[in-house]
Amino acid sequence: MSNNRLGETLMILIGSFILATTLYHFHYQNNLAEGGFIGIALLVKNAINISPSITTLLLDIPIILIAGLYLGRKLLINTTIGAISFSVFYSIIEKTSSNFTFNFGNHLWIPAILGGIFAGLGLGLILRSGGATGGDDLITIIMSKKSKISIGKVYFIFDAVILLCSLSYLSWNEVGYTILSVAICAKVTELVYESKFQKKSVTIKTNEKRLHA
């Protein structure tokens, strides 16, 4: 395995750990929802008490296999790593950290902001390393490429639809703070993800100057 490949895998694992820790401690423990497949998994958790670590994998596997045919082998492998590692990390955290809570009571703006920042950081690291956390990320990447809309905006639109369904078990207040968290997450994800391409652009320009010197 090359150093570049090893570095990408490490970043995906770090991003998955940050994301799993954030969604459990800041979102789930403060009764905030989430968008995408994780949001659907939380709906299932509240309805029939199945762990999100199981539901997300069941949702991810068919989408990952189908999308892999169109997006290439590398993204398929990296997404599989991201999806499995997120599921494993979330399951471990869920089983070992249930007594260690970050419950902020009525001050939901705190977990909403912190959760949005750290979830965006984790997701951004995964995406910029050429991976994804599951099928919903692949759908978002495809929609962003086809529509030319930034990946952050596509994430927010996609998540907002799922959040409307979360009203089945959350109050308007909790959904409102969740939307704030999702908006922050989308922006941070976009900043971290696009910083990779900005860095490449700077490198290209620097090389061009050297050629002309």
N, C-alpha and C. Protein backbone atom coordinates (compact mmCIF):
# COMPACT_ATOMS: atom_id res chain seq x y z
N MET A 1 0.85 -1.21 0.00
CA MET A 1 0.00 0.00 0.00
C MET A 1 0.88 1.25 0.00
N SER A 2 0.65 2.17 -0.94
CA SER A 2 1.45 3.38 -1.04
C SER A 2 1.18 4.31 0.14
N ASN A 3 2.12 5.25 0.36
CA ASN A 3 1.96 6.22 1.45
C ASN A 3 0.71 7.07 1.26
N ASN A 4 0.42 7.43 -0.02
CA ASN A 4 -0.75 8.25 -0.31
C ASN A 4 -2.03 7.48 0.01
N ARG A 5 -2.07 6.20 -0.37
CA ARG A 5 -3.23 5.35 -0.10
C ARG A 5 -3.42 5.16 1.40
N LEU A 6 -2.32 4.94 2.10
CA LEU A 6 -2.36 4.76 3.55
C LEU A 6 -2.85 6.03 4.24
N GLY A 7 -2.40 7.18 3.74
CA GLY A 7 -2.82 8.47 4.30
C GLY A 7 -4.31 8.70 4.11
N GLU A 8 -4.83 8.37 2.93
CA GLU A 8 -6.26 8.52 2.66
C GLU A 8 -7.09 7.64 3.60
N THR A 9 -6.66 6.39 3.75
CA THR A 9 -7.39 5.46 4.63
C THR A 9 -7.39 5.96 6.06
N LEU A 10 -6.25 6.46 6.53
CA LEU A 10 -6.14 6.98 7.89
C LEU A 10 -7.07 8.17 8.10
N MET A 11 -7.13 9.08 7.12
CA MET A 11 -8.00 10.24 7.22
C MET A 11 -9.48 9.83 7.24
N ILE A 12 -9.82 8.82 6.46
CA ILE A 12 -11.20 8.32 6.44
C ILE A 12 -11.57 7.75 7.80
N LEU A 13 -10.64 7.00 8.41
CA LEU A 13 -10.90 6.41 9.73
C LEU A 13 -11.03 7.50 10.80
N ILE A 14 -10.16 8.51 10.73
CA ILE A 14 -10.23 9.61 11.69
C ILE A 14 -11.55 10.37 11.53
N GLY A 15 -11.92 10.65 10.27
CA GLY A 15 -13.17 11.35 10.00
C GLY A 15 -14.38 10.56 10.48
N SER A 16 -14.36 9.24 10.27
CA SER A 16 -15.46 8.37 10.70
C SER A 16 -15.59 8.37 12.22
N PHE A 17 -14.46 8.35 12.91
CA PHE A 17 -14.48 8.37 14.38
C PHE A 17 -15.04 9.69 14.90
N ILE A 18 -14.58 10.81 14.32
CA ILE A 18 -15.08 12.12 14.73
C ILE A 18 -16.59 12.21 14.50
N LEU A 19 -17.03 11.75 13.33
CA LEU A 19 -18.45 11.80 12.97
C LEU A 19 -19.29 10.94 13.91
N ALA A 20 -18.86 9.70 14.16
CA ALA A 20 -19.61 8.79 15.03
C ALA A 20 -19.70 9.34 16.46
N THR A 21 -18.58 9.85 16.97
CA THR A 21 -18.55 10.41 18.33
C THR A 21 -19.48 11.62 18.43
N THR A 22 -19.43 12.48 17.43
CA THR A 22 -20.26 13.69 17.42
C THR A 22 -21.75 13.36 17.36
N LEU A 23 -22.13 12.47 16.45
CA LEU A 23 -23.55 12.16 16.28
C LEU A 23 -24.14 11.47 17.50
N TYR A 24 -23.31 10.69 18.20
CA TYR A 24 -23.84 10.02 19.40
C TYR A 24 -23.92 10.99 20.59
N HIS A 25 -22.81 11.67 20.88
CA HIS A 25 -22.75 12.49 22.09
C HIS A 25 -23.46 13.84 21.95
N PHE A 26 -23.35 14.49 20.81
CA PHE A 26 -23.98 15.80 20.66
C PHE A 26 -25.40 15.73 20.12
N HIS A 27 -25.64 14.83 19.19
CA HIS A 27 -26.97 14.77 18.58
C HIS A 27 -27.90 13.80 19.31
N TYR A 28 -27.54 12.53 19.33
CA TYR A 28 -28.45 11.53 19.91
C TYR A 28 -28.73 11.80 21.38
N GLN A 29 -27.69 12.10 22.18
CA GLN A 29 -27.87 12.29 23.62
C GLN A 29 -28.60 13.59 23.95
N ASN A 30 -28.71 14.49 23.00
CA ASN A 30 -29.45 15.73 23.23
C ASN A 30 -30.75 15.77 22.44
N ASN A 31 -31.14 14.59 21.93
CA ASN A 31 -32.41 14.44 21.21
C ASN A 31 -32.49 15.34 19.98
N LEU A 32 -31.35 15.49 19.30
CA LEU A 32 -31.32 16.19 18.02
C LEU A 32 -31.27 15.13 16.92
N ALA A 33 -31.89 15.43 15.82
CA ALA A 33 -31.95 14.46 14.72
C ALA A 33 -30.74 14.66 13.80
N GLU A 34 -30.81 14.06 12.65
CA GLU A 34 -29.73 14.16 11.67
C GLU A 34 -30.34 13.92 10.31
N GLY A 35 -29.66 14.38 9.27
CA GLY A 35 -30.17 14.17 7.92
C GLY A 35 -29.62 12.90 7.31
N GLY A 36 -29.95 12.67 6.03
CA GLY A 36 -29.43 11.53 5.31
C GLY A 36 -29.84 10.19 5.89
N PHE A 37 -29.04 9.17 5.60
CA PHE A 37 -29.33 7.81 6.07
C PHE A 37 -29.21 7.72 7.59
N ILE A 38 -28.35 8.54 8.18
CA ILE A 38 -28.22 8.53 9.64
C ILE A 38 -29.52 9.04 10.27
N GLY A 39 -30.12 10.06 9.64
CA GLY A 39 -31.40 10.57 10.12
C GLY A 39 -32.49 9.52 10.02
N ILE A 40 -32.47 8.75 8.92
CA ILE A 40 -33.43 7.66 8.75
C ILE A 40 -33.18 6.60 9.83
N ALA A 41 -31.89 6.33 10.11
CA ALA A 41 -31.54 5.34 11.13
C ALA A 41 -32.03 5.77 12.51
N LEU A 42 -31.96 7.07 12.80
CA LEU A 42 -32.46 7.56 14.08
C LEU A 42 -33.99 7.45 14.16
N LEU A 43 -34.66 7.63 13.02
CA LEU A 43 -36.11 7.43 12.97
C LEU A 43 -36.44 5.97 13.30
N VAL A 44 -35.68 5.05 12.72
CA VAL A 44 -35.88 3.63 12.98
C VAL A 44 -35.57 3.30 14.44
N LYS A 45 -34.51 3.91 14.98
CA LYS A 45 -34.13 3.69 16.38
C LYS A 45 -35.26 4.07 17.32
N ASN A 46 -35.88 5.22 17.06
CA ASN A 46 -36.97 5.68 17.92
C ASN A 46 -38.27 4.90 17.69
N ALA A 47 -38.42 4.32 16.51
CA ALA A 47 -39.65 3.58 16.19
C ALA A 47 -39.60 2.14 16.68
N ILE A 48 -38.50 1.44 16.36
CA ILE A 48 -38.43 0.01 16.71
C ILE A 48 -37.13 -0.38 17.42
N ASN A 49 -36.38 0.63 17.88
CA ASN A 49 -35.21 0.42 18.73
C ASN A 49 -34.13 -0.47 18.10
N ILE A 50 -33.84 -0.25 16.82
CA ILE A 50 -32.71 -0.92 16.17
C ILE A 50 -31.55 0.08 16.10
N SER A 51 -30.37 -0.35 16.46
CA SER A 51 -29.21 0.55 16.50
C SER A 51 -28.92 1.15 15.13
N PRO A 52 -28.58 2.44 15.09
CA PRO A 52 -28.20 3.09 13.83
C PRO A 52 -27.01 2.41 13.15
N SER A 53 -26.15 1.76 13.94
CA SER A 53 -24.99 1.08 13.37
C SER A 53 -25.41 -0.05 12.44
N ILE A 54 -26.58 -0.64 12.70
CA ILE A 54 -27.10 -1.71 11.85
C ILE A 54 -27.89 -1.13 10.68
N THR A 55 -28.77 -0.19 10.97
CA THR A 55 -29.64 0.39 9.94
C THR A 55 -28.85 1.07 8.84
N THR A 56 -27.81 1.83 9.22
CA THR A 56 -27.04 2.55 8.20
C THR A 56 -26.35 1.59 7.23
N LEU A 57 -25.86 0.46 7.75
CA LEU A 57 -25.23 -0.52 6.87
C LEU A 57 -26.24 -1.14 5.91
N LEU A 58 -27.44 -1.45 6.41
CA LEU A 58 -28.48 -2.04 5.56
C LEU A 58 -28.90 -1.08 4.45
N LEU A 59 -28.90 0.22 4.75
CA LEU A 59 -29.25 1.22 3.75
C LEU A 59 -28.09 1.47 2.79
N ASP A 60 -26.87 1.42 3.33
CA ASP A 60 -25.69 1.77 2.54
C ASP A 60 -25.30 0.74 1.50
N ILE A 61 -25.31 -0.54 1.87
CA ILE A 61 -24.75 -1.59 1.02
C ILE A 61 -25.28 -1.59 -0.41
N PRO A 62 -26.62 -1.60 -0.63
CA PRO A 62 -27.09 -1.63 -2.03
C PRO A 62 -26.73 -0.38 -2.82
N ILE A 63 -26.77 0.80 -2.16
CA ILE A 63 -26.44 2.05 -2.85
C ILE A 63 -24.97 2.08 -3.21
N ILE A 64 -24.11 1.64 -2.29
CA ILE A 64 -22.68 1.63 -2.53
C ILE A 64 -22.34 0.73 -3.72
N LEU A 65 -22.96 -0.45 -3.77
CA LEU A 65 -22.69 -1.39 -4.85
C LEU A 65 -23.13 -0.84 -6.20
N ILE A 66 -24.31 -0.21 -6.23
CA ILE A 66 -24.84 0.35 -7.48
C ILE A 66 -24.00 1.55 -7.93
N ALA A 67 -23.75 2.48 -6.97
CA ALA A 67 -23.00 3.70 -7.29
C ALA A 67 -21.56 3.38 -7.68
N GLY A 68 -21.01 2.30 -7.12
CA GLY A 68 -19.64 1.93 -7.43
C GLY A 68 -19.43 1.62 -8.90
N LEU A 69 -20.48 1.19 -9.58
CA LEU A 69 -20.39 0.89 -11.00
C LEU A 69 -20.19 2.16 -11.83
N TYR A 70 -20.67 3.29 -11.29
CA TYR A 70 -20.61 4.56 -12.03
C TYR A 70 -19.47 5.47 -11.55
N LEU A 71 -19.09 5.34 -10.28
CA LEU A 71 -18.12 6.28 -9.70
C LEU A 71 -16.71 5.72 -9.60
N GLY A 72 -16.53 4.47 -9.93
CA GLY A 72 -15.17 3.92 -9.96
C GLY A 72 -14.81 3.06 -8.75
N ARG A 73 -13.79 2.25 -8.95
CA ARG A 73 -13.37 1.28 -7.94
C ARG A 73 -12.80 1.94 -6.69
N LYS A 74 -12.02 3.01 -6.88
CA LYS A 74 -11.39 3.67 -5.74
C LYS A 74 -12.42 4.24 -4.78
N LEU A 75 -13.43 4.94 -5.32
CA LEU A 75 -14.47 5.51 -4.47
C LEU A 75 -15.28 4.41 -3.80
N LEU A 76 -15.49 3.31 -4.52
CA LEU A 76 -16.22 2.17 -3.96
C LEU A 76 -15.48 1.61 -2.74
N ILE A 77 -14.17 1.43 -2.87
CA ILE A 77 -13.36 0.90 -1.76
C ILE A 77 -13.34 1.87 -0.59
N ASN A 78 -13.09 3.17 -0.88
CA ASN A 78 -13.02 4.18 0.18
C ASN A 78 -14.36 4.36 0.90
N THR A 79 -15.44 4.28 0.14
CA THR A 79 -16.77 4.41 0.74
C THR A 79 -17.09 3.21 1.61
N THR A 80 -16.69 2.03 1.18
CA THR A 80 -16.88 0.82 1.98
C THR A 80 -16.13 0.94 3.31
N ILE A 81 -14.90 1.46 3.23
CA ILE A 81 -14.11 1.68 4.45
C ILE A 81 -14.81 2.69 5.36
N GLY A 82 -15.30 3.79 4.77
CA GLY A 82 -15.98 4.81 5.54
C GLY A 82 -17.26 4.30 6.19
N ALA A 83 -18.06 3.57 5.43
CA ALA A 83 -19.35 3.07 5.94
C ALA A 83 -19.15 2.06 7.06
N ILE A 84 -18.23 1.10 6.85
CA ILE A 84 -18.00 0.07 7.86
C ILE A 84 -17.36 0.66 9.11
N SER A 85 -16.37 1.54 8.93
CA SER A 85 -15.69 2.13 10.09
C SER A 85 -16.65 3.00 10.90
N PHE A 86 -17.53 3.75 10.21
CA PHE A 86 -18.51 4.56 10.94
C PHE A 86 -19.43 3.66 11.76
N SER A 87 -19.91 2.58 11.16
CA SER A 87 -20.81 1.65 11.84
C SER A 87 -20.13 1.02 13.05
N VAL A 88 -18.87 0.61 12.88
CA VAL A 88 -18.12 -0.02 13.98
C VAL A 88 -17.87 0.99 15.10
N PHE A 89 -17.41 2.20 14.74
CA PHE A 89 -17.13 3.22 15.76
C PHE A 89 -18.41 3.60 16.52
N TYR A 90 -19.51 3.77 15.78
CA TYR A 90 -20.77 4.16 16.43
C TYR A 90 -21.23 3.06 17.39
N SER A 91 -21.11 1.80 16.97
CA SER A 91 -21.52 0.68 17.81
C SER A 91 -20.69 0.62 19.09
N ILE A 92 -19.38 0.82 18.96
CA ILE A 92 -18.49 0.78 20.12
C ILE A 92 -18.81 1.92 21.08
N ILE A 93 -18.97 3.14 20.52
CA ILE A 93 -19.28 4.31 21.35
C ILE A 93 -20.62 4.14 22.04
N GLU A 94 -21.59 3.60 21.31
CA GLU A 94 -22.93 3.39 21.85
C GLU A 94 -22.90 2.43 23.04
N LYS A 95 -22.06 1.41 22.97
CA LYS A 95 -22.01 0.38 24.01
C LYS A 95 -21.13 0.77 25.20
N THR A 96 -20.10 1.58 24.94
CA THR A 96 -19.13 1.90 26.00
C THR A 96 -19.29 3.28 26.61
N SER A 97 -20.04 4.17 25.94
CA SER A 97 -20.11 5.56 26.41
C SER A 97 -21.51 5.99 26.85
N SER A 98 -22.41 5.03 27.07
CA SER A 98 -23.79 5.39 27.43
C SER A 98 -23.88 6.14 28.75
N ASN A 99 -22.92 5.90 29.65
CA ASN A 99 -22.93 6.60 30.95
C ASN A 99 -22.14 7.90 30.92
N PHE A 100 -21.49 8.15 29.79
CA PHE A 100 -20.69 9.37 29.64
C PHE A 100 -21.44 10.31 28.71
N THR A 101 -22.17 11.25 29.29
CA THR A 101 -23.08 12.06 28.48
C THR A 101 -22.63 13.51 28.34
N PHE A 102 -23.04 14.11 27.21
CA PHE A 102 -22.88 15.54 26.96
C PHE A 102 -24.28 16.13 26.83
N ASN A 103 -25.06 16.02 27.90
CA ASN A 103 -26.44 16.51 27.85
C ASN A 103 -26.47 17.97 28.32
N PHE A 104 -26.95 18.85 27.43
CA PHE A 104 -26.94 20.28 27.73
C PHE A 104 -28.32 20.81 28.13
N GLY A 105 -29.25 19.89 28.42
CA GLY A 105 -30.57 20.30 28.88
C GLY A 105 -31.31 21.15 27.86
N ASN A 106 -31.77 22.31 28.31
CA ASN A 106 -32.52 23.21 27.43
C ASN A 106 -31.64 24.08 26.54
N HIS A 107 -30.34 24.01 26.76
CA HIS A 107 -29.42 24.84 25.96
C HIS A 107 -29.01 24.07 24.69
N LEU A 108 -29.99 23.79 23.86
CA LEU A 108 -29.75 22.97 22.68
C LEU A 108 -28.87 23.66 21.63
N TRP A 109 -28.73 24.97 21.72
CA TRP A 109 -27.90 25.68 20.76
C TRP A 109 -26.43 25.26 20.88
N ILE A 110 -26.03 24.80 22.08
CA ILE A 110 -24.64 24.39 22.28
C ILE A 110 -24.33 23.10 21.50
N PRO A 111 -25.09 21.99 21.74
CA PRO A 111 -24.80 20.79 20.93
C PRO A 111 -25.09 20.97 19.45
N ALA A 112 -26.03 21.87 19.13
CA ALA A 112 -26.35 22.13 17.72
C ALA A 112 -25.15 22.73 17.00
N ILE A 113 -24.51 23.72 17.62
CA ILE A 113 -23.36 24.38 17.01
C ILE A 113 -22.13 23.48 17.02
N LEU A 114 -21.82 22.91 18.21
CA LEU A 114 -20.65 22.04 18.31
C LEU A 114 -20.81 20.79 17.44
N GLY A 115 -22.02 20.22 17.45
CA GLY A 115 -22.28 19.05 16.64
C GLY A 115 -22.12 19.34 15.17
N GLY A 116 -22.61 20.50 14.73
CA GLY A 116 -22.49 20.89 13.33
C GLY A 116 -21.04 21.06 12.90
N ILE A 117 -20.25 21.69 13.76
CA ILE A 117 -18.83 21.94 13.45
C ILE A 117 -18.06 20.62 13.35
N PHE A 118 -18.19 19.78 14.37
CA PHE A 118 -17.40 18.54 14.39
C PHE A 118 -17.90 17.52 13.38
N ALA A 119 -19.21 17.45 13.17
CA ALA A 119 -19.74 16.53 12.15
C ALA A 119 -19.27 16.97 10.76
N GLY A 120 -19.27 18.28 10.51
CA GLY A 120 -18.77 18.80 9.24
C GLY A 120 -17.30 18.53 9.04
N LEU A 121 -16.53 18.63 10.13
CA LEU A 121 -15.09 18.34 10.06
C LEU A 121 -14.86 16.87 9.71
N GLY A 122 -15.56 15.98 10.42
CA GLY A 122 -15.40 14.55 10.17
C GLY A 122 -15.81 14.17 8.76
N LEU A 123 -16.97 14.66 8.34
CA LEU A 123 -17.47 14.34 7.00
C LEU A 123 -16.57 14.94 5.92
N GLY A 124 -16.11 16.16 6.16
CA GLY A 124 -15.23 16.82 5.19
C GLY A 124 -13.92 16.07 5.00
N LEU A 125 -13.35 15.55 6.09
CA LEU A 125 -12.11 14.78 6.01
C LEU A 125 -12.30 13.51 5.18
N ILE A 126 -13.46 12.87 5.38
CA ILE A 126 -13.76 11.65 4.63
C ILE A 126 -13.90 11.95 3.14
N LEU A 127 -14.65 12.99 2.82
CA LEU A 127 -14.90 13.33 1.41
C LEU A 127 -13.63 13.79 0.70
N ARG A 128 -12.82 14.60 1.36
CA ARG A 128 -11.60 15.10 0.70
C ARG A 128 -10.55 14.01 0.55
N SER A 129 -10.73 12.89 1.28
CA SER A 129 -9.82 11.75 1.16
C SER A 129 -10.32 10.75 0.13
N GLY A 130 -11.38 11.14 -0.60
CA GLY A 130 -11.88 10.29 -1.67
C GLY A 130 -12.83 9.22 -1.23
N GLY A 131 -13.44 9.40 -0.05
CA GLY A 131 -14.38 8.41 0.46
C GLY A 131 -15.73 9.02 0.77
N ALA A 132 -16.56 8.27 1.46
CA ALA A 132 -17.88 8.72 1.89
C ALA A 132 -18.29 7.83 3.06
N THR A 133 -19.30 8.25 3.80
CA THR A 133 -19.74 7.44 4.94
C THR A 133 -20.83 6.47 4.56
N GLY A 134 -21.32 6.57 3.33
CA GLY A 134 -22.37 5.64 2.92
C GLY A 134 -23.08 6.07 1.66
N GLY A 135 -24.20 5.40 1.42
CA GLY A 135 -24.96 5.62 0.20
C GLY A 135 -25.50 7.02 0.04
N ASP A 136 -25.89 7.66 1.16
CA ASP A 136 -26.44 9.01 1.05
C ASP A 136 -25.38 10.00 0.59
N ASP A 137 -24.12 9.80 1.02
CA ASP A 137 -23.03 10.66 0.56
C ASP A 137 -22.80 10.49 -0.94
N LEU A 138 -22.89 9.25 -1.41
CA LEU A 138 -22.71 8.99 -2.84
C LEU A 138 -23.81 9.64 -3.65
N ILE A 139 -25.04 9.55 -3.16
CA ILE A 139 -26.16 10.20 -3.83
C ILE A 139 -25.93 11.71 -3.90
N THR A 140 -25.44 12.28 -2.79
CA THR A 140 -25.16 13.71 -2.73
C THR A 140 -24.06 14.11 -3.71
N ILE A 141 -22.99 13.31 -3.78
CA ILE A 141 -21.89 13.59 -4.70
C ILE A 141 -22.38 13.58 -6.14
N ILE A 142 -23.18 12.58 -6.49
CA ILE A 142 -23.71 12.47 -7.85
C ILE A 142 -24.62 13.65 -8.18
N MET A 143 -25.53 13.99 -7.23
CA MET A 143 -26.44 15.12 -7.43
C MET A 143 -25.68 16.43 -7.60
N SER A 144 -24.61 16.60 -6.81
CA SER A 144 -23.80 17.82 -6.90
C SER A 144 -23.11 17.93 -8.26
N LYS A 145 -22.58 16.80 -8.75
CA LYS A 145 -21.89 16.80 -10.04
C LYS A 145 -22.86 17.05 -11.19
N LYS A 146 -24.06 16.45 -11.10
CA LYS A 146 -25.04 16.58 -12.18
C LYS A 146 -25.68 17.96 -12.21
N SER A 147 -25.95 18.53 -11.02
CA SER A 147 -26.67 19.81 -10.94
C SER A 147 -25.75 21.02 -10.89
N LYS A 148 -24.45 20.78 -10.65
CA LYS A 148 -23.46 21.87 -10.50
C LYS A 148 -23.71 22.71 -9.25
N ILE A 149 -24.53 22.20 -8.33
CA ILE A 149 -24.77 22.87 -7.05
C ILE A 149 -23.70 22.41 -6.08
N SER A 150 -23.22 23.31 -5.21
CA SER A 150 -22.16 22.95 -4.28
C SER A 150 -22.60 21.78 -3.40
N ILE A 151 -21.63 20.98 -2.98
CA ILE A 151 -21.95 19.79 -2.21
C ILE A 151 -22.60 20.13 -0.87
N GLY A 152 -22.22 21.28 -0.29
CA GLY A 152 -22.83 21.71 0.97
C GLY A 152 -24.31 21.99 0.83
N LYS A 153 -24.70 22.65 -0.26
CA LYS A 153 -26.11 22.98 -0.49
C LYS A 153 -26.94 21.72 -0.76
N VAL A 154 -26.35 20.78 -1.50
CA VAL A 154 -27.06 19.53 -1.78
C VAL A 154 -27.28 18.75 -0.48
N TYR A 155 -26.26 18.73 0.37
CA TYR A 155 -26.40 18.07 1.67
C TYR A 155 -27.56 18.69 2.47
N PHE A 156 -27.60 20.02 2.49
CA PHE A 156 -28.63 20.70 3.29
C PHE A 156 -30.03 20.39 2.76
N ILE A 157 -30.22 20.42 1.44
CA ILE A 157 -31.54 20.14 0.84
C ILE A 157 -31.96 18.70 1.14
N PHE A 158 -31.03 17.78 0.93
CA PHE A 158 -31.32 16.36 1.15
C PHE A 158 -31.66 16.10 2.62
N ASP A 159 -30.89 16.72 3.52
CA ASP A 159 -31.11 16.52 4.96
C ASP A 159 -32.43 17.14 5.42
N ALA A 160 -32.79 18.28 4.86
CA ALA A 160 -34.01 18.97 5.27
C ALA A 160 -35.25 18.11 5.05
N VAL A 161 -35.24 17.34 3.97
CA VAL A 161 -36.37 16.44 3.67
C VAL A 161 -36.51 15.39 4.77
N ILE A 162 -35.37 14.81 5.18
CA ILE A 162 -35.38 13.79 6.23
C ILE A 162 -35.82 14.39 7.56
N LEU A 163 -35.39 15.64 7.81
CA LEU A 163 -35.71 16.29 9.08
C LEU A 163 -37.21 16.53 9.24
N LEU A 164 -37.89 16.79 8.14
CA LEU A 164 -39.34 16.97 8.21
C LEU A 164 -40.01 15.71 8.74
N CYS A 165 -39.48 14.56 8.38
CA CYS A 165 -40.02 13.29 8.88
C CYS A 165 -39.73 13.11 10.37
N SER A 166 -38.68 13.78 10.87
CA SER A 166 -38.29 13.64 12.27
C SER A 166 -39.29 14.29 13.22
N LEU A 167 -40.21 15.06 12.65
CA LEU A 167 -41.25 15.67 13.50
C LEU A 167 -42.16 14.61 14.12
N SER A 168 -42.03 13.37 13.63
CA SER A 168 -42.83 12.28 14.19
C SER A 168 -42.42 11.95 15.63
N TYR A 169 -41.17 12.30 16.00
CA TYR A 169 -40.74 12.04 17.38
C TYR A 169 -40.02 13.21 18.04
N LEU A 170 -39.82 14.30 17.31
CA LEU A 170 -39.18 15.49 17.87
C LEU A 170 -40.14 16.67 17.90
N SER A 171 -39.85 17.62 18.78
CA SER A 171 -40.63 18.85 18.83
C SER A 171 -40.12 19.81 17.76
N TRP A 172 -40.90 20.85 17.47
CA TRP A 172 -40.47 21.86 16.50
C TRP A 172 -39.18 22.52 16.96
N ASN A 173 -39.04 22.69 18.28
CA ASN A 173 -37.84 23.30 18.84
C ASN A 173 -36.60 22.46 18.55
N GLU A 174 -36.73 21.15 18.76
CA GLU A 174 -35.60 20.24 18.51
C GLU A 174 -35.27 20.16 17.03
N VAL A 175 -36.29 20.16 16.18
CA VAL A 175 -36.06 20.14 14.74
C VAL A 175 -35.38 21.43 14.29
N GLY A 176 -35.81 22.56 14.89
CA GLY A 176 -35.22 23.85 14.56
C GLY A 176 -33.73 23.88 14.85
N TYR A 177 -33.34 23.38 16.02
CA TYR A 177 -31.92 23.34 16.38
C TYR A 177 -31.16 22.31 15.53
N THR A 178 -31.85 21.25 15.13
CA THR A 178 -31.23 20.27 14.25
C THR A 178 -30.92 20.89 12.90
N ILE A 179 -31.86 21.69 12.38
CA ILE A 179 -31.65 22.38 11.10
C ILE A 179 -30.45 23.32 11.21
N LEU A 180 -30.32 24.01 12.35
CA LEU A 180 -29.15 24.87 12.58
C LEU A 180 -27.87 24.04 12.52
N SER A 181 -27.88 22.89 13.18
CA SER A 181 -26.70 22.03 13.20
C SER A 181 -26.37 21.50 11.81
N VAL A 182 -27.41 21.10 11.06
CA VAL A 182 -27.21 20.59 9.71
C VAL A 182 -26.65 21.67 8.79
N ALA A 183 -27.15 22.91 8.95
CA ALA A 183 -26.66 24.02 8.13
C ALA A 183 -25.18 24.29 8.40
N ILE A 184 -24.79 24.27 9.68
CA ILE A 184 -23.40 24.47 10.04
C ILE A 184 -22.54 23.33 9.52
N CYS A 185 -23.05 22.10 9.67
CA CYS A 185 -22.34 20.91 9.18
C CYS A 185 -22.11 21.00 7.67
N ALA A 186 -23.13 21.41 6.93
CA ALA A 186 -23.03 21.51 5.47
C ALA A 186 -21.96 22.52 5.08
N LYS A 187 -21.91 23.66 5.79
CA LYS A 187 -20.94 24.70 5.46
C LYS A 187 -19.52 24.26 5.79
N VAL A 188 -19.35 23.66 6.98
CA VAL A 188 -18.01 23.19 7.38
C VAL A 188 -17.54 22.08 6.45
N THR A 189 -18.45 21.17 6.09
CA THR A 189 -18.12 20.09 5.15
C THR A 189 -17.62 20.68 3.83
N GLU A 190 -18.34 21.67 3.34
CA GLU A 190 -17.98 22.31 2.08
C GLU A 190 -16.61 22.97 2.16
N LEU A 191 -16.32 23.65 3.27
CA LEU A 191 -15.04 24.34 3.44
C LEU A 191 -13.88 23.33 3.48
N VAL A 192 -14.06 22.26 4.25
CA VAL A 192 -13.00 21.26 4.38
C VAL A 192 -12.81 20.51 3.06
N TYR A 193 -13.91 20.14 2.43
CA TYR A 193 -13.87 19.39 1.16
C TYR A 193 -13.23 20.21 0.05
N GLU A 194 -13.64 21.46 -0.10
CA GLU A 194 -13.14 22.29 -1.20
C GLU A 194 -11.72 22.79 -0.96
N SER A 195 -11.26 22.75 0.29
CA SER A 195 -9.89 23.20 0.57
C SER A 195 -8.88 22.30 -0.12
N LYS A 196 -9.25 21.05 -0.38
CA LYS A 196 -8.38 20.12 -1.09
C LYS A 196 -8.12 20.61 -2.51
N PHE A 197 -9.19 21.07 -3.16
CA PHE A 197 -9.07 21.51 -4.55
C PHE A 197 -8.39 22.87 -4.64
N GLN A 198 -8.59 23.73 -3.63
CA GLN A 198 -7.92 25.01 -3.61
C GLN A 198 -6.42 24.81 -3.46
N LYS A 199 -6.06 23.80 -2.65
CA LYS A 199 -4.65 23.49 -2.43
C LYS A 199 -4.00 23.01 -3.73
N LYS A 200 -4.74 22.16 -4.47
CA LYS A 200 -4.24 21.67 -5.75
C LYS A 200 -4.04 22.82 -6.73
N SER A 201 -4.98 23.79 -6.72
CA SER A 201 -4.93 24.93 -7.62
C SER A 201 -3.69 25.77 -7.36
N VAL A 202 -3.37 25.98 -6.07
CA VAL A 202 -2.20 26.75 -5.70
C VAL A 202 -0.93 26.04 -6.18
N THR A 203 -0.90 24.71 -6.03
CA THR A 203 0.26 23.92 -6.46
C THR A 203 0.47 24.03 -7.96
N ILE A 204 -0.60 23.96 -8.73
CA ILE A 204 -0.53 24.07 -10.18
C ILE A 204 0.01 25.43 -10.60
N LYS A 205 -0.52 26.49 -9.97
CA LYS A 205 -0.07 27.84 -10.30
C LYS A 205 1.40 28.04 -9.96
N THR A 206 1.83 27.46 -8.83
CA THR A 206 3.23 27.57 -8.43
C THR A 206 4.14 26.87 -9.43
N ASN A 207 3.70 25.70 -9.89
CA ASN A 207 4.48 24.96 -10.89
C ASN A 207 4.57 25.70 -12.21
N GLU A 208 3.45 26.39 -12.58
CA GLU A 208 3.44 27.15 -13.82
C GLU A 208 4.45 28.30 -13.76
N LYS A 209 4.54 28.95 -12.60
CA LYS A 209 5.47 30.06 -12.45
C LYS A 209 6.91 29.56 -12.59
N ARG A 210 7.17 28.37 -12.03
CA ARG A 210 8.51 27.81 -12.12
C ARG A 210 8.88 27.49 -13.56
N LEU A 211 7.89 27.05 -14.32
CA LEU A 211 8.13 26.71 -15.73
C LEU A 211 8.47 27.95 -16.55
N HIS A 212 7.81 29.06 -16.20
CA HIS A 212 8.02 30.30 -16.96
C HIS A 212 9.25 31.06 -16.47
N ALA A 213 9.76 30.68 -15.29
CA ALA A 213 10.89 31.43 -14.71
C ALA A 213 12.17 31.17 -15.51
